PDB file of N, CA and C in Angstrom:
ATOM      1  N   MET A   1     -31.782  19.572 -28.851  1.00  0.00           N
ATOM      2  CA  MET A   1     -32.221  19.060 -27.575  1.00  0.00           C
ATOM      3  C   MET A   1     -33.568  18.350 -27.742  1.00  0.00           C
ATOM      4  N   ARG A   2     -33.661  17.160 -27.173  1.00  0.00           N
ATOM      5  CA  ARG A   2     -34.884  16.380 -27.280  1.00  0.00           C
ATOM      6  C   ARG A   2     -35.917  16.868 -26.268  1.00  0.00           C
ATOM      7  N   PRO A   3     -37.183  16.784 -26.624  1.00  0.00           N
ATOM      8  CA  PRO A   3     -38.219  17.168 -25.651  1.00  0.00           C
ATOM      9  C   PRO A   3     -38.277  16.134 -24.519  1.00  0.00           C
ATOM     10  N   LYS A   4     -38.619  16.609 -23.333  1.00  0.00           N
ATOM     11  CA  LYS A   4     -38.733  15.714 -22.184  1.00  0.00           C
ATOM     12  C   LYS A   4     -39.903  14.759 -22.373  1.00  0.00           C
ATOM     13  N   THR A   5     -39.673  13.513 -22.057  1.00  0.00           N
ATOM     14  CA  THR A   5     -40.762  12.542 -22.080  1.00  0.00           C
ATOM     15  C   THR A   5     -41.189  12.197 -20.663  1.00  0.00           C
ATOM     16  N   PHE A   6     -40.357  12.575 -19.688  1.00  0.00           N
ATOM     17  CA  PHE A   6     -40.654  12.258 -18.300  1.00  0.00           C
ATOM     18  C   PHE A   6     -40.091  13.373 -17.419  1.00  0.00           C
ATOM     19  N   ASP A   7     -40.902  13.873 -16.512  1.00  0.00           N
ATOM     20  CA  ASP A   7     -40.485  14.942 -15.611  1.00  0.00           C
ATOM     21  C   ASP A   7     -40.602  14.426 -14.179  1.00  0.00           C
ATOM     22  N   CYS A   8     -39.470  14.082 -13.559  1.00  0.00           N
ATOM     23  CA  CYS A   8     -39.505  13.481 -12.232  1.00  0.00           C
ATOM     24  C   CYS A   8     -39.976  14.469 -11.163  1.00  0.00           C
ATOM     25  N   VAL A   9     -39.685  15.749 -11.320  1.00  0.00           N
ATOM     26  CA  VAL A   9     -40.146  16.748 -10.341  1.00  0.00           C
ATOM     27  C   VAL A   9     -41.669  16.840 -10.391  1.00  0.00           C
ATOM     28  N   GLN A  10     -42.227  16.846 -11.589  1.00  0.00           N
ATOM     29  CA  GLN A  10     -43.681  16.888 -11.732  1.00  0.00           C
ATOM     30  C   GLN A  10     -44.307  15.637 -11.106  1.00  0.00           C
ATOM     31  N   MET A  11     -43.693  14.474 -11.321  1.00  0.00           N
ATOM     32  CA  MET A  11     -44.209  13.240 -10.753  1.00  0.00           C
ATOM     33  C   MET A  11     -44.170  13.290  -9.227  1.00  0.00           C
ATOM     34  N   LYS A  12     -43.078  13.792  -8.650  1.00  0.00           N
ATOM     35  CA  LYS A  12     -42.950  13.905  -7.202  1.00  0.00           C
ATOM     36  C   LYS A  12     -44.031  14.812  -6.634  1.00  0.00           C
ATOM     37  N   ARG A  13     -44.263  15.936  -7.282  1.00  0.00           N
ATOM     38  CA  ARG A  13     -45.274  16.885  -6.809  1.00  0.00           C
ATOM     39  C   ARG A  13     -46.680  16.293  -6.886  1.00  0.00           C
ATOM     40  N   ARG A  14     -46.958  15.561  -7.973  1.00  0.00           N
ATOM     41  CA  ARG A  14     -48.266  14.912  -8.101  1.00  0.00           C
ATOM     42  C   ARG A  14     -48.469  13.889  -6.989  1.00  0.00           C
ATOM     43  N   GLY A  15     -47.422  13.119  -6.704  1.00  0.00           N
ATOM     44  CA  GLY A  15     -47.511  12.134  -5.627  1.00  0.00           C
ATOM     45  C   GLY A  15     -47.739  12.790  -4.279  1.00  0.00           C
ATOM     46  N   ALA A  16     -47.043  13.892  -4.023  1.00  0.00           N
ATOM     47  CA  ALA A  16     -47.211  14.612  -2.759  1.00  0.00           C
ATOM     48  C   ALA A  16     -48.637  15.150  -2.630  1.00  0.00           C
ATOM     49  N   GLU A  17     -49.194  15.641  -3.730  1.00  0.00           N
ATOM     50  CA  GLU A  17     -50.572  16.138  -3.709  1.00  0.00           C
ATOM     51  C   GLU A  17     -51.558  15.013  -3.396  1.00  0.00           C
ATOM     52  N   GLN A  18     -51.322  13.836  -3.965  1.00  0.00           N
ATOM     53  CA  GLN A  18     -52.209  12.695  -3.707  1.00  0.00           C
ATOM     54  C   GLN A  18     -52.157  12.294  -2.232  1.00  0.00           C
ATOM     55  N   VAL A  19     -50.965  12.283  -1.664  1.00  0.00           N
ATOM     56  CA  VAL A  19     -50.823  11.929  -0.252  1.00  0.00           C
ATOM     57  C   VAL A  19     -51.524  12.976   0.620  1.00  0.00           C
ATOM     58  N   MET A  20     -51.351  14.237   0.294  1.00  0.00           N
ATOM     59  CA  MET A  20     -51.993  15.298   1.066  1.00  0.00           C
ATOM     60  C   MET A  20     -53.517  15.142   1.045  1.00  0.00           C
ATOM     61  N   LYS A  21     -54.066  14.786  -0.118  1.00  0.00           N
ATOM     62  CA  LYS A  21     -55.520  14.584  -0.224  1.00  0.00           C
ATOM     63  C   LYS A  21     -55.968  13.398   0.628  1.00  0.00           C
ATOM     64  N   ARG A  22     -55.181  12.322   0.616  1.00  0.00           N
ATOM     65  CA  ARG A  22     -55.545  11.137   1.412  1.00  0.00           C
ATOM     66  C   ARG A  22     -55.508  11.423   2.905  1.00  0.00           C
ATOM     67  N   LEU A  23     -54.589  12.283   3.317  1.00  0.00           N
ATOM     68  CA  LEU A  23     -54.420  12.564   4.741  1.00  0.00           C
ATOM     69  C   LEU A  23     -55.246  13.755   5.225  1.00  0.00           C
ATOM     70  N   GLU A  24     -55.864  14.455   4.300  1.00  0.00           N
ATOM     71  CA  GLU A  24     -56.637  15.643   4.646  1.00  0.00           C
ATOM     72  C   GLU A  24     -57.747  15.295   5.633  1.00  0.00           C
ATOM     73  N   GLY A  25     -57.801  16.037   6.725  1.00  0.00           N
ATOM     74  CA  GLY A  25     -58.848  15.843   7.721  1.00  0.00           C
ATOM     75  C   GLY A  25     -58.601  14.701   8.683  1.00  0.00           C
ATOM     76  N   LYS A  26     -57.488  14.001   8.557  1.00  0.00           N
ATOM     77  CA  LYS A  26     -57.188  12.882   9.446  1.00  0.00           C
ATOM     78  C   LYS A  26     -56.437  13.386  10.682  1.00  0.00           C
ATOM     79  N   THR A  27     -56.617  12.685  11.778  1.00  0.00           N
ATOM     80  CA  THR A  27     -55.904  13.026  13.002  1.00  0.00           C
ATOM     81  C   THR A  27     -54.449  12.593  12.870  1.00  0.00           C
ATOM     82  N   VAL A  28     -53.622  13.057  13.798  1.00  0.00           N
ATOM     83  CA  VAL A  28     -52.212  12.671  13.796  1.00  0.00           C
ATOM     84  C   VAL A  28     -52.104  11.153  13.930  1.00  0.00           C
ATOM     85  N   GLN A  29     -52.936  10.556  14.767  1.00  0.00           N
ATOM     86  CA  GLN A  29     -52.903   9.102  14.949  1.00  0.00           C
ATOM     87  C   GLN A  29     -53.269   8.381  13.650  1.00  0.00           C
ATOM     88  N   GLU A  30     -54.272   8.866  12.939  1.00  0.00           N
ATOM     89  CA  GLU A  30     -54.674   8.253  11.674  1.00  0.00           C
ATOM     90  C   GLU A  30     -53.580   8.409  10.616  1.00  0.00           C
ATOM     91  N   GLN A  31     -52.907   9.552  10.614  1.00  0.00           N
ATOM     92  CA  GLN A  31     -51.808   9.763   9.685  1.00  0.00           C
ATOM     93  C   GLN A  31     -50.667   8.796   9.988  1.00  0.00           C
ATOM     94  N   LEU A  32     -50.355   8.624  11.256  1.00  0.00           N
ATOM     95  CA  LEU A  32     -49.306   7.687  11.663  1.00  0.00           C
ATOM     96  C   LEU A  32     -49.646   6.269  11.212  1.00  0.00           C
ATOM     97  N   GLU A  33     -50.897   5.871  11.388  1.00  0.00           N
ATOM     98  CA  GLU A  33     -51.331   4.535  10.963  1.00  0.00           C
ATOM     99  C   GLU A  33     -51.209   4.375   9.445  1.00  0.00           C
ATOM    100  N   TYR A  34     -51.524   5.431   8.695  1.00  0.00           N
ATOM    101  CA  TYR A  34     -51.393   5.409   7.234  1.00  0.00           C
ATOM    102  C   TYR A  34     -49.947   5.109   6.841  1.00  0.00           C
ATOM    103  N   TRP A  35     -49.002   5.822   7.452  1.00  0.00           N
ATOM    104  CA  TRP A  35     -47.585   5.636   7.112  1.00  0.00           C
ATOM    105  C   TRP A  35     -47.062   4.290   7.595  1.00  0.00           C
ATOM    106  N   GLN A  36     -47.510   3.828   8.748  1.00  0.00           N
ATOM    107  CA  GLN A  36     -47.073   2.517   9.240  1.00  0.00           C
ATOM    108  C   GLN A  36     -47.564   1.402   8.331  1.00  0.00           C
ATOM    109  N   LYS A  37     -48.821   1.493   7.902  1.00  0.00           N
ATOM    110  CA  LYS A  37     -49.375   0.473   7.004  1.00  0.00           C
ATOM    111  C   LYS A  37     -48.613   0.454   5.679  1.00  0.00           C
ATOM    112  N   GLY A  38     -48.340   1.630   5.140  1.00  0.00           N
ATOM    113  CA  GLY A  38     -47.596   1.712   3.888  1.00  0.00           C
ATOM    114  C   GLY A  38     -46.203   1.123   4.009  1.00  0.00           C
ATOM    115  N   THR A  39     -45.549   1.385   5.139  1.00  0.00           N
ATOM    116  CA  THR A  39     -44.213   0.836   5.372  1.00  0.00           C
ATOM    117  C   THR A  39     -44.262  -0.679   5.455  1.00  0.00           C
ATOM    118  N   GLU A  40     -45.259  -1.211   6.173  1.00  0.00           N
ATOM    119  CA  GLU A  40     -45.391  -2.665   6.289  1.00  0.00           C
ATOM    120  C   GLU A  40     -45.631  -3.301   4.925  1.00  0.00           C
ATOM    121  N   GLU A  41     -46.469  -2.677   4.105  1.00  0.00           N
ATOM    122  CA  GLU A  41     -46.734  -3.214   2.765  1.00  0.00           C
ATOM    123  C   GLU A  41     -45.474  -3.197   1.900  1.00  0.00           C
ATOM    124  N   LEU A  42     -44.687  -2.138   2.016  1.00  0.00           N
ATOM    125  CA  LEU A  42     -43.449  -2.036   1.252  1.00  0.00           C
ATOM    126  C   LEU A  42     -42.462  -3.123   1.674  1.00  0.00           C
ATOM    127  N   ILE A  43     -42.309  -3.321   2.975  1.00  0.00           N
ATOM    128  CA  ILE A  43     -41.387  -4.344   3.478  1.00  0.00           C
ATOM    129  C   ILE A  43     -41.821  -5.724   2.992  1.00  0.00           C
ATOM    130  N   THR A  44     -43.114  -6.002   3.069  1.00  0.00           N
ATOM    131  CA  THR A  44     -43.636  -7.296   2.609  1.00  0.00           C
ATOM    132  C   THR A  44     -43.351  -7.496   1.125  1.00  0.00           C
ATOM    133  N   ARG A  45     -43.577  -6.447   0.340  1.00  0.00           N
ATOM    134  CA  ARG A  45     -43.330  -6.538  -1.108  1.00  0.00           C
ATOM    135  C   ARG A  45     -41.848  -6.748  -1.407  1.00  0.00           C
ATOM    136  N   GLN A  46     -40.988  -6.038  -0.689  1.00  0.00           N
ATOM    137  CA  GLN A  46     -39.546  -6.184  -0.891  1.00  0.00           C
ATOM    138  C   GLN A  46     -39.094  -7.595  -0.552  1.00  0.00           C
ATOM    139  N   GLN A  47     -39.605  -8.142   0.551  1.00  0.00           N
ATOM    140  CA  GLN A  47     -39.230  -9.494   0.953  1.00  0.00           C
ATOM    141  C   GLN A  47     -39.693 -10.517  -0.083  1.00  0.00           C
ATOM    142  N   SER A  48     -40.884 -10.311  -0.609  1.00  0.00           N
ATOM    143  CA  SER A  48     -41.411 -11.222  -1.620  1.00  0.00           C
ATOM    144  C   SER A  48     -40.552 -11.188  -2.887  1.00  0.00           C
ATOM    145  N   LEU A  49     -40.197  -9.981  -3.320  1.00  0.00           N
ATOM    146  CA  LEU A  49     -39.359  -9.857  -4.512  1.00  0.00           C
ATOM    147  C   LEU A  49     -37.984 -10.472  -4.284  1.00  0.00           C
ATOM    148  N   LYS A  50     -37.444 -10.253  -3.101  1.00  0.00           N
ATOM    149  CA  LYS A  50     -36.122 -10.797  -2.779  1.00  0.00           C
ATOM    150  C   LYS A  50     -36.174 -12.322  -2.749  1.00  0.00           C
ATOM    151  N   LYS A  51     -37.237 -12.858  -2.146  1.00  0.00           N
ATOM    152  CA  LYS A  51     -37.392 -14.312  -2.047  1.00  0.00           C
ATOM    153  C   LYS A  51     -37.505 -14.935  -3.429  1.00  0.00           C
ATOM    154  N   ASN A  52     -38.249 -14.291  -4.313  1.00  0.00           N
ATOM    155  CA  ASN A  52     -38.464 -14.819  -5.660  1.00  0.00           C
ATOM    156  C   ASN A  52     -37.436 -14.308  -6.661  1.00  0.00           C
ATOM    157  N   LYS A  53     -36.509 -13.461  -6.182  1.00  0.00           N
ATOM    158  CA  LYS A  53     -35.460 -12.878  -7.011  1.00  0.00           C
ATOM    159  C   LYS A  53     -36.032 -12.234  -8.270  1.00  0.00           C
ATOM    160  N   VAL A  54     -37.139 -11.519  -8.104  1.00  0.00           N
ATOM    161  CA  VAL A  54     -37.795 -10.823  -9.199  1.00  0.00           C
ATOM    162  C   VAL A  54     -37.375  -9.367  -9.137  1.00  0.00           C
ATOM    163  N   GLN A  55     -36.945  -8.830 -10.266  1.00  0.00           N
ATOM    164  CA  GLN A  55     -36.584  -7.425 -10.358  1.00  0.00           C
ATOM    165  C   GLN A  55     -37.824  -6.639 -10.761  1.00  0.00           C
ATOM    166  N   PRO A  56     -38.241  -5.650  -9.965  1.00  0.00           N
ATOM    167  CA  PRO A  56     -39.424  -4.871 -10.344  1.00  0.00           C
ATOM    168  C   PRO A  56     -39.160  -4.048 -11.596  1.00  0.00           C
ATOM    169  N   GLU A  57     -40.207  -3.853 -12.361  1.00  0.00           N
ATOM    170  CA  GLU A  57     -40.128  -3.029 -13.563  1.00  0.00           C
ATOM    171  C   GLU A  57     -40.096  -1.562 -13.147  1.00  0.00           C
ATOM    172  N   ILE A  58     -39.489  -0.730 -13.941  1.00  0.00           N
ATOM    173  CA  ILE A  58     -39.515   0.701 -13.681  1.00  0.00           C
ATOM    174  C   ILE A  58     -40.954   1.168 -13.789  1.00  0.00           C
ATOM    175  N   GLY A  59     -41.384   1.947 -12.793  1.00  0.00           N
ATOM    176  CA  GLY A  59     -42.764   2.434 -12.782  1.00  0.00           C
ATOM    177  C   GLY A  59     -43.726   1.419 -12.213  1.00  0.00           C
ATOM    178  N   ASP A  60     -43.220   0.372 -11.573  1.00  0.00           N
ATOM    179  CA  ASP A  60     -44.057  -0.694 -11.023  1.00  0.00           C
ATOM    180  C   ASP A  60     -44.393  -0.395  -9.575  1.00  0.00           C
ATOM    181  N   CYS A  61     -44.751   0.833  -9.273  1.00  0.00           N
ATOM    182  CA  CYS A  61     -45.089   1.237  -7.918  1.00  0.00           C
ATOM    183  C   CYS A  61     -46.601   1.272  -7.759  1.00  0.00           C
ATOM    184  N   PRO A  62     -47.063   0.946  -6.557  1.00  0.00           N
ATOM    185  CA  PRO A  62     -48.505   1.000  -6.328  1.00  0.00           C
ATOM    186  C   PRO A  62     -49.035   2.406  -6.349  1.00  0.00           C
TER     187      PRO A  62
END
């Protein structure tokens, strides 16, 4: 058996911890604005990639 080079569960947990730190101490309204802004940025990026027919690289997430 080969050793793991990538652990997706560990990556998910690290990402969740980062989000929790960013949202720590924020009001519900501020948290909502955080998620809305992120969604808008994702949609814009997807549209740009689709328009230019560019395939994102694996791990090419902000």
